[in-house]
Structures are given as C-alpha cells and as structure tokens.
C-alpha cells in the first residue's frame, strides 16, 4: 500500500483536530495499517480507532496492523462525523479529519492544510461543511459564466 495521504499538526495541537487523512478508498481494513504505520511510534501502540458509521458503514470490528490487532469502534455521534480517533490507550491519541476518497485533489489539499493548522478552531464536520459550501459557490459561479466582461 502506498504511503497514506496524511498531514498532522506540527507540535502540540490546540484545536479539535490533530490533522487530516485522505484515504484512497472506503475499505478501512486496507487503509488503516498504512495510516497507523505512519504515526509516531513514540506515542504508543494504536489499540483502538473510532469511526463514524456514515463514512464507514461496513467496517469490521477489528483490523490487523503490523504485529497487533486494532479494535474498531463505530459511532453515530454527529460531532464525530468525518473523523477518525486513533487511540493509543492512556499514552495519546490523534483526532483526524477524514477527507472522502473521491474528494477532488485541490479541495483535499486545502482540507489537509486547514485541518493541520495548529490554530484551526473547527471540528471535522464543520471544516468539511465549509469546504462543501465553498465548492458549491465556485460551481455556481462557473455555471453562471463567471465574472462579466472587463
């Protein structure tokens, strides 16, 4: 599996997110081992991830990672939509925005950058909703022929 498309907040995060992850497909069992392998091992062994059922409807209860099994917890909480919590027990955790695999590359790049900004105050659902509104506004401008003559 290629390296994950991931951007983490440098240093200590002060916002609700610690970065963003842009998986290539919706198969968590294929994507998760690469994500886990790219995280800082000093934080500890990943023991559990929490994902929202809307983004990952058919996720298994466990996923194999190198040398261990990761428990997968599903949640229906709106506050955790479009996010994954990567938990290392009592040692540490990451809260990451999950960018939909079919997101256009330009929009995904902006989301990766915004979510990893240490000053970002937005949750995963809020940052994704704002990006969707921006894309909708851009598409409406294009369909109307854009700006008028100069």
N, C-alpha and C. Protein backbone atom coordinates (compact mmCIF):
# COMPACT_ATOMS: atom_id res chain seq x y z
N UNK A 1 0.86 -1.18 0.00
CA UNK A 1 0.00 0.00 0.00
C UNK A 1 0.89 1.23 0.00
N UNK A 2 0.59 2.22 -0.82
CA UNK A 2 1.39 3.45 -0.83
C UNK A 2 1.24 4.21 0.50
N UNK A 3 2.13 5.14 0.72
CA UNK A 3 2.07 5.95 1.93
C UNK A 3 0.72 6.66 2.01
N UNK A 4 0.20 6.81 3.21
CA UNK A 4 -1.10 7.48 3.34
C UNK A 4 -1.00 8.96 3.02
N UNK A 5 -2.09 9.50 2.54
CA UNK A 5 -2.18 10.94 2.30
C UNK A 5 -2.63 11.54 3.63
N UNK A 6 -1.66 12.07 4.35
CA UNK A 6 -1.85 12.46 5.73
C UNK A 6 -1.09 13.74 6.02
N UNK A 7 -1.69 14.62 6.80
CA UNK A 7 -0.99 15.81 7.27
C UNK A 7 -1.35 15.98 8.73
N UNK A 8 -0.31 16.04 9.59
CA UNK A 8 -0.50 16.18 11.02
C UNK A 8 -0.13 17.58 11.47
N UNK A 9 -0.77 18.03 12.54
CA UNK A 9 -0.45 19.32 13.13
C UNK A 9 0.96 19.26 13.67
N UNK A 10 1.82 20.23 13.32
CA UNK A 10 3.17 20.22 13.88
C UNK A 10 3.13 20.55 15.37
N UNK A 11 3.96 19.88 16.15
CA UNK A 11 4.00 20.15 17.59
C UNK A 11 2.72 19.68 18.26
N UNK A 12 2.28 20.42 19.25
CA UNK A 12 1.09 20.07 20.01
C UNK A 12 -0.12 20.81 19.44
N UNK A 13 -1.17 20.07 19.17
CA UNK A 13 -2.39 20.67 18.63
C UNK A 13 -3.14 21.41 19.73
N UNK A 14 -3.71 22.56 19.38
CA UNK A 14 -4.52 23.32 20.32
C UNK A 14 -5.97 23.38 19.87
N UNK A 15 -6.28 22.69 18.81
CA UNK A 15 -7.65 22.71 18.29
C UNK A 15 -8.31 21.36 18.44
N UNK A 16 -9.47 21.24 17.87
CA UNK A 16 -10.18 19.96 17.98
C UNK A 16 -9.60 18.87 17.07
N UNK A 17 -8.75 19.25 16.11
CA UNK A 17 -8.17 18.28 15.19
C UNK A 17 -6.65 18.26 15.30
N UNK A 18 -6.09 17.09 15.04
CA UNK A 18 -4.64 16.93 15.02
C UNK A 18 -4.11 16.75 13.60
N UNK A 19 -4.98 16.99 12.63
CA UNK A 19 -4.59 16.85 11.24
C UNK A 19 -5.70 16.25 10.41
N UNK A 20 -5.32 15.73 9.22
CA UNK A 20 -6.30 15.17 8.30
C UNK A 20 -5.71 13.98 7.57
N UNK A 21 -6.59 13.10 7.16
CA UNK A 21 -6.22 11.89 6.43
C UNK A 21 -7.15 11.78 5.23
N UNK A 22 -6.57 11.50 4.06
CA UNK A 22 -7.32 11.36 2.82
C UNK A 22 -7.13 9.95 2.29
N UNK A 23 -7.95 8.99 2.74
CA UNK A 23 -7.78 7.61 2.26
C UNK A 23 -8.10 7.49 0.78
N UNK A 24 -7.56 6.47 0.16
CA UNK A 24 -7.76 6.25 -1.27
C UNK A 24 -9.06 5.50 -1.57
N UNK A 25 -9.59 4.79 -0.55
CA UNK A 25 -10.84 4.04 -0.74
C UNK A 25 -11.59 3.97 0.59
N UNK A 26 -12.78 3.40 0.57
CA UNK A 26 -13.60 3.29 1.78
C UNK A 26 -13.38 1.99 2.54
N UNK A 27 -12.37 1.22 2.19
CA UNK A 27 -12.09 -0.05 2.87
C UNK A 27 -11.09 0.21 4.00
N UNK A 28 -11.62 0.42 5.20
CA UNK A 28 -10.78 0.74 6.35
C UNK A 28 -9.74 -0.35 6.60
N UNK A 29 -10.11 -1.60 6.39
CA UNK A 29 -9.17 -2.69 6.63
C UNK A 29 -7.96 -2.63 5.69
N UNK A 30 -8.10 -1.98 4.55
CA UNK A 30 -6.97 -1.80 3.63
C UNK A 30 -6.18 -0.53 3.95
N UNK A 31 -6.86 0.51 4.33
CA UNK A 31 -6.25 1.83 4.54
C UNK A 31 -5.60 2.01 5.91
N UNK A 32 -6.22 1.44 6.95
CA UNK A 32 -5.77 1.69 8.32
C UNK A 32 -4.34 1.26 8.62
N UNK A 33 -3.86 0.09 8.18
CA UNK A 33 -2.48 -0.29 8.50
C UNK A 33 -1.44 0.73 8.02
N UNK A 34 -1.63 1.31 6.84
CA UNK A 34 -0.68 2.32 6.34
C UNK A 34 -0.75 3.59 7.19
N UNK A 35 -1.97 3.99 7.57
CA UNK A 35 -2.12 5.16 8.42
C UNK A 35 -1.41 4.95 9.75
N UNK A 36 -1.67 3.82 10.39
CA UNK A 36 -1.06 3.51 11.70
C UNK A 36 0.45 3.46 11.58
N UNK A 37 0.95 2.89 10.51
CA UNK A 37 2.39 2.78 10.31
C UNK A 37 3.09 4.12 10.14
N UNK A 38 2.34 5.14 9.75
CA UNK A 38 2.97 6.45 9.52
C UNK A 38 2.91 7.37 10.74
N UNK A 39 2.22 6.94 11.80
CA UNK A 39 2.11 7.77 13.00
C UNK A 39 3.33 7.55 13.90
N UNK A 40 3.62 8.51 14.74
CA UNK A 40 4.79 8.49 15.62
C UNK A 40 4.71 7.32 16.60
N UNK A 41 5.62 6.37 16.52
CA UNK A 41 5.57 5.23 17.44
C UNK A 41 5.85 5.62 18.90
N UNK A 42 6.42 6.79 19.13
CA UNK A 42 6.71 7.23 20.49
C UNK A 42 5.42 7.47 21.29
N UNK A 43 4.30 7.68 20.58
CA UNK A 43 3.03 7.90 21.27
C UNK A 43 2.46 6.58 21.78
N UNK A 44 2.93 5.48 21.28
CA UNK A 44 2.48 4.18 21.75
C UNK A 44 1.81 3.38 20.66
N UNK A 45 1.45 2.16 21.00
CA UNK A 45 0.80 1.25 20.07
C UNK A 45 -0.68 1.61 19.94
N UNK A 46 -1.13 1.72 18.73
CA UNK A 46 -2.54 2.02 18.49
C UNK A 46 -3.35 0.80 18.89
N UNK A 47 -4.28 1.01 19.81
CA UNK A 47 -5.11 -0.09 20.30
C UNK A 47 -6.53 -0.04 19.78
N UNK A 48 -6.98 1.16 19.42
CA UNK A 48 -8.38 1.32 19.01
C UNK A 48 -8.51 2.53 18.10
N UNK A 49 -9.46 2.46 17.18
CA UNK A 49 -9.87 3.61 16.39
C UNK A 49 -11.38 3.74 16.51
N UNK A 50 -11.85 4.99 16.46
CA UNK A 50 -13.27 5.25 16.46
C UNK A 50 -13.61 5.95 15.16
N UNK A 51 -14.60 5.42 14.44
CA UNK A 51 -15.01 5.97 13.16
C UNK A 51 -16.52 6.15 13.14
N UNK A 52 -16.99 7.06 12.29
CA UNK A 52 -18.43 7.26 12.20
C UNK A 52 -19.04 6.27 11.20
N UNK A 53 -20.23 5.81 11.53
CA UNK A 53 -20.88 4.79 10.71
C UNK A 53 -21.29 5.30 9.33
N UNK A 54 -21.52 6.61 9.20
CA UNK A 54 -21.90 7.15 7.88
C UNK A 54 -20.75 7.03 6.89
N UNK A 55 -19.53 7.33 7.35
CA UNK A 55 -18.37 7.26 6.46
C UNK A 55 -17.88 5.83 6.25
N UNK A 56 -18.05 4.98 7.25
CA UNK A 56 -17.52 3.61 7.21
C UNK A 56 -18.65 2.63 7.58
N UNK A 57 -19.67 2.46 6.73
CA UNK A 57 -20.82 1.63 7.10
C UNK A 57 -20.52 0.13 7.24
N UNK A 58 -19.55 -0.38 6.52
CA UNK A 58 -19.28 -1.82 6.51
C UNK A 58 -17.95 -2.17 7.17
N UNK A 59 -17.53 -1.38 8.11
CA UNK A 59 -16.22 -1.57 8.72
C UNK A 59 -16.23 -2.81 9.64
N UNK A 60 -15.14 -3.57 9.63
CA UNK A 60 -15.06 -4.72 10.54
C UNK A 60 -14.81 -4.26 11.98
N UNK A 61 -15.02 -5.15 12.94
CA UNK A 61 -14.82 -4.81 14.35
C UNK A 61 -13.35 -4.76 14.75
N UNK A 62 -12.51 -5.43 13.97
CA UNK A 62 -11.06 -5.40 14.20
C UNK A 62 -10.35 -5.30 12.86
N UNK A 63 -9.16 -4.72 12.90
CA UNK A 63 -8.32 -4.61 11.71
C UNK A 63 -6.91 -5.04 12.12
N UNK A 64 -6.29 -5.82 11.28
CA UNK A 64 -4.91 -6.25 11.54
C UNK A 64 -3.94 -5.15 11.15
N UNK A 65 -3.04 -4.84 12.07
CA UNK A 65 -1.94 -3.92 11.80
C UNK A 65 -0.66 -4.74 12.00
N UNK A 66 0.47 -4.22 11.59
CA UNK A 66 1.70 -4.99 11.82
C UNK A 66 1.85 -5.33 13.31
N UNK A 67 1.90 -6.61 13.62
CA UNK A 67 2.18 -7.14 14.95
C UNK A 67 1.05 -7.01 15.97
N UNK A 68 -0.12 -6.50 15.60
CA UNK A 68 -1.22 -6.44 16.57
C UNK A 68 -2.57 -6.21 15.88
N UNK A 69 -3.61 -6.36 16.68
CA UNK A 69 -4.98 -6.16 16.21
C UNK A 69 -5.49 -4.84 16.77
N UNK A 70 -6.20 -4.09 15.94
CA UNK A 70 -6.77 -2.81 16.36
C UNK A 70 -8.28 -2.96 16.44
N UNK A 71 -8.83 -2.59 17.59
CA UNK A 71 -10.27 -2.60 17.77
C UNK A 71 -10.88 -1.41 17.02
N UNK A 72 -11.98 -1.64 16.33
CA UNK A 72 -12.67 -0.57 15.61
C UNK A 72 -14.02 -0.33 16.29
N UNK A 73 -14.21 0.89 16.76
CA UNK A 73 -15.45 1.28 17.42
C UNK A 73 -16.20 2.19 16.45
N UNK A 74 -17.48 1.92 16.27
CA UNK A 74 -18.30 2.76 15.39
C UNK A 74 -19.18 3.67 16.23
N UNK A 75 -19.37 4.89 15.75
CA UNK A 75 -20.20 5.85 16.47
C UNK A 75 -21.16 6.54 15.52
N UNK A 76 -22.29 6.95 16.07
CA UNK A 76 -23.28 7.70 15.30
C UNK A 76 -23.32 9.16 15.73
N UNK A 77 -22.41 9.58 16.59
CA UNK A 77 -22.42 10.95 17.09
C UNK A 77 -22.09 11.94 15.97
N UNK A 78 -22.92 12.94 15.81
CA UNK A 78 -22.71 13.94 14.76
C UNK A 78 -21.39 14.68 14.94
N UNK A 79 -20.97 14.87 16.18
CA UNK A 79 -19.72 15.58 16.45
C UNK A 79 -18.51 14.81 15.94
N UNK A 80 -18.65 13.51 15.72
CA UNK A 80 -17.54 12.70 15.26
C UNK A 80 -17.66 12.30 13.79
N UNK A 81 -18.60 12.90 13.09
CA UNK A 81 -18.76 12.61 11.66
C UNK A 81 -17.53 13.10 10.90
N UNK A 82 -17.12 12.33 9.94
CA UNK A 82 -15.98 12.66 9.07
C UNK A 82 -14.68 12.75 9.85
N UNK A 83 -14.58 11.98 10.93
CA UNK A 83 -13.36 11.98 11.74
C UNK A 83 -13.00 10.55 12.10
N UNK A 84 -11.74 10.38 12.44
CA UNK A 84 -11.26 9.13 13.00
C UNK A 84 -10.44 9.49 14.23
N UNK A 85 -10.70 8.79 15.32
CA UNK A 85 -9.91 8.95 16.52
C UNK A 85 -9.00 7.74 16.61
N UNK A 86 -7.71 7.99 16.64
CA UNK A 86 -6.70 6.94 16.73
C UNK A 86 -6.18 6.96 18.17
N UNK A 87 -6.46 5.90 18.91
CA UNK A 87 -6.24 5.86 20.35
C UNK A 87 -5.09 4.91 20.70
N UNK A 88 -4.17 5.42 21.50
CA UNK A 88 -3.03 4.64 21.97
C UNK A 88 -3.15 4.39 23.48
N UNK A 89 -4.33 4.03 23.92
CA UNK A 89 -4.56 3.77 25.34
C UNK A 89 -4.43 5.05 26.15
N UNK A 90 -3.70 4.98 27.24
CA UNK A 90 -3.54 6.15 28.11
C UNK A 90 -2.38 7.04 27.66
N UNK A 91 -1.66 6.64 26.63
CA UNK A 91 -0.47 7.38 26.20
C UNK A 91 -0.79 8.57 25.31
N UNK A 92 -1.70 8.43 24.38
CA UNK A 92 -2.01 9.53 23.47
C UNK A 92 -3.05 9.14 22.45
N UNK A 93 -3.45 10.12 21.66
CA UNK A 93 -4.43 9.89 20.61
C UNK A 93 -4.36 11.01 19.59
N UNK A 94 -4.87 10.70 18.40
CA UNK A 94 -5.00 11.67 17.33
C UNK A 94 -6.46 11.75 16.93
N UNK A 95 -6.92 12.96 16.68
CA UNK A 95 -8.26 13.19 16.13
C UNK A 95 -8.03 13.76 14.73
N UNK A 96 -8.41 13.02 13.71
CA UNK A 96 -8.13 13.41 12.33
C UNK A 96 -9.41 13.59 11.52
N UNK A 97 -9.44 14.64 10.72
CA UNK A 97 -10.48 14.80 9.72
C UNK A 97 -10.27 13.70 8.69
N UNK A 98 -11.35 13.02 8.28
CA UNK A 98 -11.27 12.04 7.20
C UNK A 98 -11.87 12.69 5.97
N UNK A 99 -11.03 12.92 4.98
CA UNK A 99 -11.47 13.52 3.73
C UNK A 99 -12.00 12.40 2.84
N UNK A 100 -13.19 12.53 2.29
CA UNK A 100 -13.74 11.46 1.45
C UNK A 100 -12.79 11.10 0.31
N UNK A 101 -12.64 9.80 0.04
CA UNK A 101 -11.70 9.36 -1.00
C UNK A 101 -11.94 9.99 -2.36
N UNK A 102 -13.19 10.30 -2.70
CA UNK A 102 -13.50 10.85 -4.02
C UNK A 102 -13.43 12.38 -4.07
N UNK A 103 -12.93 13.00 -3.02
CA UNK A 103 -12.79 14.47 -2.98
C UNK A 103 -11.79 14.90 -4.07
N UNK A 104 -12.08 15.95 -4.82
CA UNK A 104 -11.11 16.44 -5.81
C UNK A 104 -9.78 16.80 -5.14
N UNK A 105 -8.70 16.60 -5.86
CA UNK A 105 -7.36 16.79 -5.29
C UNK A 105 -7.15 18.21 -4.74
N UNK A 106 -7.60 19.22 -5.44
CA UNK A 106 -7.41 20.59 -4.97
C UNK A 106 -8.13 20.85 -3.66
N UNK A 107 -9.36 20.39 -3.57
CA UNK A 107 -10.13 20.57 -2.33
C UNK A 107 -9.51 19.75 -1.20
N UNK A 108 -9.07 18.53 -1.50
CA UNK A 108 -8.44 17.69 -0.48
C UNK A 108 -7.16 18.33 0.05
N UNK A 109 -6.38 18.93 -0.84
CA UNK A 109 -5.14 19.60 -0.41
C UNK A 109 -5.45 20.75 0.54
N UNK A 110 -6.50 21.52 0.22
CA UNK A 110 -6.89 22.62 1.11
C UNK A 110 -7.36 22.10 2.46
N UNK A 111 -8.12 21.01 2.46
CA UNK A 111 -8.60 20.42 3.70
C UNK A 111 -7.46 19.85 4.54
N UNK A 112 -6.50 19.20 3.90
CA UNK A 112 -5.33 18.67 4.62
C UNK A 112 -4.59 19.80 5.32
N UNK A 113 -4.40 20.90 4.62
CA UNK A 113 -3.69 22.05 5.18
C UNK A 113 -4.48 22.70 6.31
N UNK A 114 -5.77 22.92 6.09
CA UNK A 114 -6.60 23.60 7.09
C UNK A 114 -6.70 22.79 8.37
N UNK A 115 -6.90 21.49 8.26
CA UNK A 115 -7.07 20.65 9.45
C UNK A 115 -5.78 20.52 10.24
N UNK A 116 -4.63 20.63 9.60
CA UNK A 116 -3.35 20.51 10.28
C UNK A 116 -2.85 21.83 10.84
N UNK A 117 -3.55 22.91 10.56
CA UNK A 117 -3.17 24.22 11.09
C UNK A 117 -3.32 24.22 12.61
N UNK A 118 -2.26 24.51 13.37
CA UNK A 118 -2.36 24.49 14.83
C UNK A 118 -3.39 25.47 15.39
N UNK A 119 -3.75 26.48 14.62
CA UNK A 119 -4.73 27.47 15.06
C UNK A 119 -6.15 27.16 14.60
N UNK A 120 -6.34 26.02 13.94
CA UNK A 120 -7.67 25.66 13.44
C UNK A 120 -8.63 25.44 14.61
N UNK A 121 -9.74 26.20 14.68
CA UNK A 121 -10.70 26.02 15.76
C UNK A 121 -11.88 25.10 15.38
N UNK A 122 -11.90 24.57 14.15
CA UNK A 122 -13.08 23.88 13.64
C UNK A 122 -13.00 22.37 13.83
N UNK A 123 -14.16 21.77 14.09
CA UNK A 123 -14.27 20.32 14.18
C UNK A 123 -14.29 19.72 12.77
N UNK A 124 -14.17 18.42 12.68
CA UNK A 124 -14.19 17.75 11.38
C UNK A 124 -15.48 18.02 10.60
N UNK A 125 -16.67 17.86 11.22
CA UNK A 125 -17.89 18.13 10.44
C UNK A 125 -17.97 19.58 9.95
N UNK A 126 -17.52 20.51 10.78
CA UNK A 126 -17.62 21.94 10.43
C UNK A 126 -16.65 22.30 9.30
N UNK A 127 -15.44 21.82 9.37
CA UNK A 127 -14.44 22.17 8.34
C UNK A 127 -14.85 21.56 6.99
N UNK A 128 -15.41 20.35 7.01
CA UNK A 128 -15.85 19.73 5.76
C UNK A 128 -17.08 20.44 5.20
N UNK A 129 -18.00 20.87 6.06
CA UNK A 129 -19.19 21.60 5.61
C UNK A 129 -18.79 22.93 4.96
N UNK A 130 -17.84 23.63 5.55
CA UNK A 130 -17.38 24.89 4.95
C UNK A 130 -16.74 24.65 3.60
N UNK A 131 -15.97 23.59 3.47
CA UNK A 131 -15.34 23.28 2.18
C UNK A 131 -16.39 22.95 1.13
N UNK A 132 -17.44 22.21 1.51
CA UNK A 132 -18.50 21.88 0.57
C UNK A 132 -19.25 23.14 0.13
N UNK A 133 -19.46 24.08 1.05
CA UNK A 133 -20.11 25.35 0.70
C UNK A 133 -19.26 26.13 -0.28
N UNK A 134 -17.94 26.15 -0.07
CA UNK A 134 -17.03 26.85 -0.99
C UNK A 134 -17.08 26.22 -2.38
N UNK A 135 -17.06 24.88 -2.43
CA UNK A 135 -17.12 24.20 -3.73
C UNK A 135 -18.44 24.50 -4.43
N UNK A 136 -19.53 24.52 -3.67
CA UNK A 136 -20.84 24.84 -4.25
C UNK A 136 -20.88 26.24 -4.81
N UNK A 137 -20.28 27.19 -4.09
CA UNK A 137 -20.24 28.58 -4.55
C UNK A 137 -19.39 28.70 -5.82
N UNK A 138 -18.25 27.98 -5.84
CA UNK A 138 -17.40 28.00 -7.04
C UNK A 138 -18.14 27.42 -8.24
N UNK A 139 -18.83 26.30 -8.03
CA UNK A 139 -19.57 25.66 -9.13
C UNK A 139 -20.69 26.57 -9.63
N UNK A 140 -21.37 27.27 -8.72
CA UNK A 140 -22.44 28.18 -9.12
C UNK A 140 -21.86 29.33 -9.94
N UNK A 141 -20.71 29.84 -9.57
CA UNK A 141 -20.07 30.91 -10.33
C UNK A 141 -19.68 30.47 -11.72
N UNK A 142 -19.21 29.24 -11.84
CA UNK A 142 -18.82 28.71 -13.14
C UNK A 142 -20.05 28.49 -14.02
N UNK A 143 -21.14 28.00 -13.43
CA UNK A 143 -22.32 27.72 -14.24
C UNK A 143 -23.01 28.99 -14.70
N UNK A 144 -22.77 30.08 -14.01
CA UNK A 144 -23.37 31.35 -14.41
C UNK A 144 -22.46 32.10 -15.37
N UNK A 145 -21.39 31.49 -15.75
CA UNK A 145 -20.49 32.11 -16.71
C UNK A 145 -19.39 32.93 -16.05
N UNK A 146 -19.29 32.86 -14.73
CA UNK A 146 -18.22 33.57 -14.02
C UNK A 146 -18.43 35.05 -14.07
N UNK A 147 -17.37 35.79 -13.81
CA UNK A 147 -17.49 37.26 -13.81
C UNK A 147 -17.77 37.79 -15.21
N UNK A 148 -18.39 38.93 -15.26
CA UNK A 148 -18.74 39.57 -16.53
C UNK A 148 -17.53 40.11 -17.26
N UNK A 149 -17.75 40.72 -18.43
CA UNK A 149 -16.65 41.28 -19.21
C UNK A 149 -15.94 42.40 -18.46
N UNK A 150 -14.67 42.56 -18.79
CA UNK A 150 -13.87 43.59 -18.13
C UNK A 150 -13.88 44.87 -18.90
